[in-house]
Amino acid sequence: MATSKEGGGKGAADSGGSEQKSQPAKRGFAAMDQNQQRQIASKGGQAAHQKGTAHEFDSEEARRAGQKGGEVVSRNRAHMADIGRKGGESRQSANRAAAAAKSGNHASNQAGNRQGTKEQ
């Protein structure tokens, strides 16, 4: 009886990298270079404006969109806490730098003004 190794078929050692699945060929917009894509998209935008069907945000619509996005982000309490923490750290480091510049001794002030440490 013939086994798969004896049958002249491809063995694992013979295949090398040839069994990898190849990506499908790019077609349409994906096959074009970036400059061609931009030119075509630009023509489409110009045509929509000339035709009068292009959408333009007014300030009220933009305000509502921003508000909606802000509401979605603010639902994530951990994210909001992280933002606040970063802001506080930034302000503290600015205050430390200003205090060090006034006193002229940056190294001793830096160690004494860290959050979470007790002053001695």
Protein backbone atom coordinates (compact mmCIF):
# COMPACT_ATOMS: atom_id res chain seq x y z
CA MET A 1 0.00 0.00 0.00
CA ALA A 2 1.15 3.44 -0.78
CA THR A 3 1.20 6.09 1.90
CA SER A 4 1.01 9.80 1.36
CA LYS A 5 4.79 10.04 1.70
CA GLU A 6 5.39 7.42 -0.97
CA GLY A 7 2.76 8.68 -3.37
CA GLY A 8 4.93 11.48 -4.72
CA GLY A 9 2.77 14.11 -3.03
CA LYS A 10 4.14 17.13 -1.25
CA GLY A 11 5.55 16.36 2.15
CA ALA A 12 5.98 18.87 4.96
CA ALA A 13 9.68 19.28 4.16
CA ASP A 14 9.03 19.90 0.47
CA SER A 15 6.36 22.56 0.85
CA GLY A 16 8.52 25.33 2.31
CA GLY A 17 6.51 28.56 2.30
CA SER A 18 4.44 27.72 -0.75
CA GLU A 19 1.38 26.63 1.22
CA GLN A 20 0.77 30.08 2.69
CA LYS A 21 -2.49 31.61 1.58
CA SER A 22 -1.86 34.52 -0.73
CA GLN A 23 -3.77 37.77 -0.45
CA PRO A 24 -6.26 38.48 -3.22
CA ALA A 25 -5.04 40.91 -5.83
CA LYS A 26 -5.93 44.53 -5.15
CA ARG A 27 -8.56 45.94 -7.46
CA GLY A 28 -10.17 49.31 -8.04
CA PHE A 29 -9.26 52.09 -5.60
CA ALA A 30 -6.99 49.81 -3.58
CA ALA A 31 -4.80 49.12 -6.61
CA MET A 32 -4.22 52.84 -7.31
CA ASP A 33 -1.47 54.88 -5.77
CA GLN A 34 -2.42 57.49 -3.18
CA ASN A 35 -2.15 60.47 -5.54
CA GLN A 36 -4.59 58.91 -8.01
CA GLN A 37 -7.03 58.16 -5.20
CA ARG A 38 -6.87 61.77 -3.98
CA GLN A 39 -7.45 63.18 -7.45
CA ILE A 40 -10.53 61.05 -8.02
CA ALA A 41 -11.92 61.78 -4.55
CA SER A 42 -11.32 65.50 -5.08
CA LYS A 43 -13.26 65.44 -8.35
CA GLY A 44 -16.13 63.69 -6.58
CA GLY A 45 -16.22 66.31 -3.85
CA GLN A 46 -16.15 69.16 -6.35
CA ALA A 47 -18.97 67.59 -8.35
CA ALA A 48 -21.12 67.19 -5.23
CA HIS A 49 -20.64 70.86 -4.34
CA GLN A 50 -21.49 71.98 -7.88
CA LYS A 51 -24.58 69.78 -7.88
CA GLY A 52 -25.61 71.08 -4.45
CA THR A 53 -25.76 67.69 -2.76
CA ALA A 54 -22.61 68.05 -0.64
CA HIS A 55 -23.16 68.13 3.12
CA GLU A 56 -21.71 71.05 5.04
CA PHE A 57 -21.78 71.26 8.81
CA ASP A 58 -23.13 74.47 10.29
CA SER A 59 -21.91 75.53 13.73
CA GLU A 60 -25.02 74.23 15.51
CA GLU A 61 -24.75 70.80 13.90
CA ALA A 62 -21.05 70.60 14.73
CA ARG A 63 -21.79 71.59 18.35
CA ARG A 64 -24.40 68.82 18.67
CA ALA A 65 -22.01 66.25 17.18
CA GLY A 66 -19.26 67.22 19.62
CA GLN A 67 -21.66 67.12 22.54
CA LYS A 68 -22.85 63.67 21.55
CA GLY A 69 -19.26 62.39 21.32
CA GLY A 70 -18.43 63.92 24.70
CA GLU A 71 -21.40 62.21 26.31
CA VAL A 72 -20.29 58.84 24.96
CA VAL A 73 -16.73 59.28 26.21
CA SER A 74 -17.80 60.51 29.64
CA ARG A 75 -19.76 57.29 30.28
CA ASN A 76 -16.43 55.52 30.74
CA ARG A 77 -15.65 56.52 34.33
CA ALA A 78 -12.21 54.93 34.38
CA HIS A 79 -11.21 56.89 31.27
CA MET A 80 -12.47 60.15 32.78
CA ALA A 81 -10.58 59.47 36.02
CA ASP A 82 -7.41 58.83 34.01
CA ILE A 83 -7.84 62.13 32.15
CA GLY A 84 -8.28 64.00 35.43
CA ARG A 85 -5.26 62.31 36.95
CA LYS A 86 -3.08 63.28 33.99
CA GLY A 87 -4.26 66.87 34.22
CA GLY A 88 -3.44 66.99 37.92
CA GLU A 89 -0.02 65.52 37.33
CA SER A 90 0.67 68.09 34.65
CA ARG A 91 -0.33 70.96 36.91
CA GLN A 92 1.74 69.60 39.79
CA SER A 93 4.84 69.24 37.65
CA ALA A 94 4.39 72.79 36.35
CA ASN A 95 4.04 74.07 39.92
CA ARG A 96 7.14 72.13 40.97
CA ALA A 97 9.16 73.58 38.11
CA ALA A 98 8.00 77.11 38.93
CA ALA A 99 8.86 76.66 42.61
CA ALA A 100 12.27 75.26 41.73
CA ALA A 101 12.98 78.16 39.41
CA LYS A 102 12.11 80.63 42.18
CA SER A 103 14.25 78.92 44.81
CA GLY A 104 17.11 78.06 42.46
CA ASN A 105 17.60 74.62 44.05
CA HIS A 106 15.71 72.22 41.79
CA ALA A 107 17.10 68.92 43.16
CA SER A 108 15.98 69.39 46.79
CA ASN A 109 12.52 70.67 45.86
CA GLN A 110 11.85 67.85 43.45
CA ALA A 111 12.14 65.16 46.11
CA GLY A 112 10.03 67.07 48.69
CA ASN A 113 7.09 67.91 46.42
CA ARG A 114 6.12 64.51 45.10
CA GLN A 115 2.55 63.47 45.59
CA GLY A 116 2.07 60.78 48.21
CA THR A 117 5.21 61.50 50.19
CA LYS A 118 5.26 63.22 53.55
CA GLU A 119 7.42 66.27 53.97
CA GLN A 120 10.09 65.90 56.63
